[in-house]
Amino acid sequence: AAATAGTFSSIFKAPVAGILFVMEVLSFDLTMTAMIPLILASVSAVLTSYFFLGKDILLHYKLIHSYRLNEVPFYIVLGITSATTSIYFIRAYFYTGRFLKRFRKLVPRWLAGGILLGLLVYLLPALYGEGYNMINHVLIADYHYVVNKFPIAIDHNATHLVILVFVLLTTFKVIGLSLTLHAGGIGGVFAPSMFTGAMSGYVLALIFNMIFPGLNLPPENFALVGMAGAVAGIIQAPLMAVFLIMEITGSQELIVPLMMVAAISFWVTKRTVGYSIYTMQLKGRSFIPTHNKDAFAGFMVELDRVVEKDFIPVEPSWTLGEMVERAVKNSHRNLFPVIDEHQHFLGVITLDDIRQIMFDQEMYDKIRVRDLMHKAPTVIFYKDDNFQKVMKKFQMTGAWNLPIIRRDGTYVGFMSKSKLLSIYRKKLLEITSE
């Protein structure tokens, strides 16, 4: 966490945004004591960056136009646009990834991704790279540089054609990102999300200025606030987005539209998609990062520590007498797993099942284990079921001990609900303590 905060802070010269990035994106619910390493890492990283690189930063912006009260409705529309763009970005990213995953072998996937990405960059050269250079030109209202990257000559005075270029860049940036990453390339989501937000904000201002002559909305301001809106929606980090832009500009002049757009984009995207682009990738796995202490404590529980292997197994062919002599007399448990010669789990027998007959020696040779055993209420799959699934199984069955098996059916051991809850409570105390 400290390394992440430091790296982010040094790149953008934004220490507060670096700390907020860790808190919102990595979803760490930090105590005040745990904040100290983040603060020290962010400050030292920024100072080191200034020492070696000077005051040069990735994004250059000088605020010329302060926001006016009559621009508020247009910023509200920008917030909705940012949310729409964020939803499209997240879904397009995963749809493109699923398309490439149809190529199960790596070489065809590389070829498909490389060919499609090459074609995309050939048609839209402005998509090449992470996008910071394009963003910088947009932030100084130099749309000519962006339009000149288009392979076909375009009249710079034809506003509708300029708008078309920006719409194409907004639409296809995420496609290029997804093709790169899912085909095996290297890259990140943060810069393309800022690129998409800057382009969508800039083009929205152009559209408003074209529809309402004399309105004179500053496109560079809309590009800057659009970046915050896209980051807030795509990465689900509204506070980080606001403070990042504030630290880049060194001013609070745009604080009201920044907060407005970030809040709208975050809320609409959260309600529609439910996850950030990072956590969407973890949705099908065992854990999604969360600020919920209970869920986080459950994630931290190592289920291997809860496996109990001191249950004496019995075989279905054993007689009652064999079970009493070889298992019951040597066990301090009241539960016995039934397994076959290949260690496959078949069922269970409890002391209550044999209490009526275990002292009747006449029955020792007449009854076999297979006649007494019964199915377990459910089973826990070793290495597959996470804490939440295990607790749900205990809750549904009302059992205090459940068998653990592998996917091939082989027996591993048992899990005790009381022991699991005890370890969970210890983890929860560790997380909440200062």
Foldseek 3Di string as FASTA:
>chain_A
DLQQLLVVCLQLVFNVLSLLCCCFQVVAQDDPVRCVSNNVSNVVSNVVSCVPPNPDHLAAAADDDFDDPVCVVVLLVLLVVLLVLLLLLLVLLVVLLVVLVVPVDLVVSLVVLVVVLVVLCVQQVCLPDLNSVVLNCVLVVNLVVRQVSGPDDDDPVPLVVSLVSLVSLLNCSSSSVSSQVSSPHDDDDLSSLLNNQLSSQLSSVSVVCVVDPPPPDPSSVRSLLSSLLSCCQQSVRNVSSLSSSCSNNVDCSCNVSNNSSSVSSNVSSCVPVVHHSVQVVCVPPQDGRHNDLLRVLQQVDDVVVQFDAQAAEDEQAAFLLCCCVPHVVPDPAQKYFYAHPVQFTDFIAGCVQCVVPSPPVVRRHVGTNNVRGDHFQDAAEPPGHGSVRVVVSCVVSVDQKHWYAHPVRHGDGIGGPVVSVVSSVVSSCVSPPD
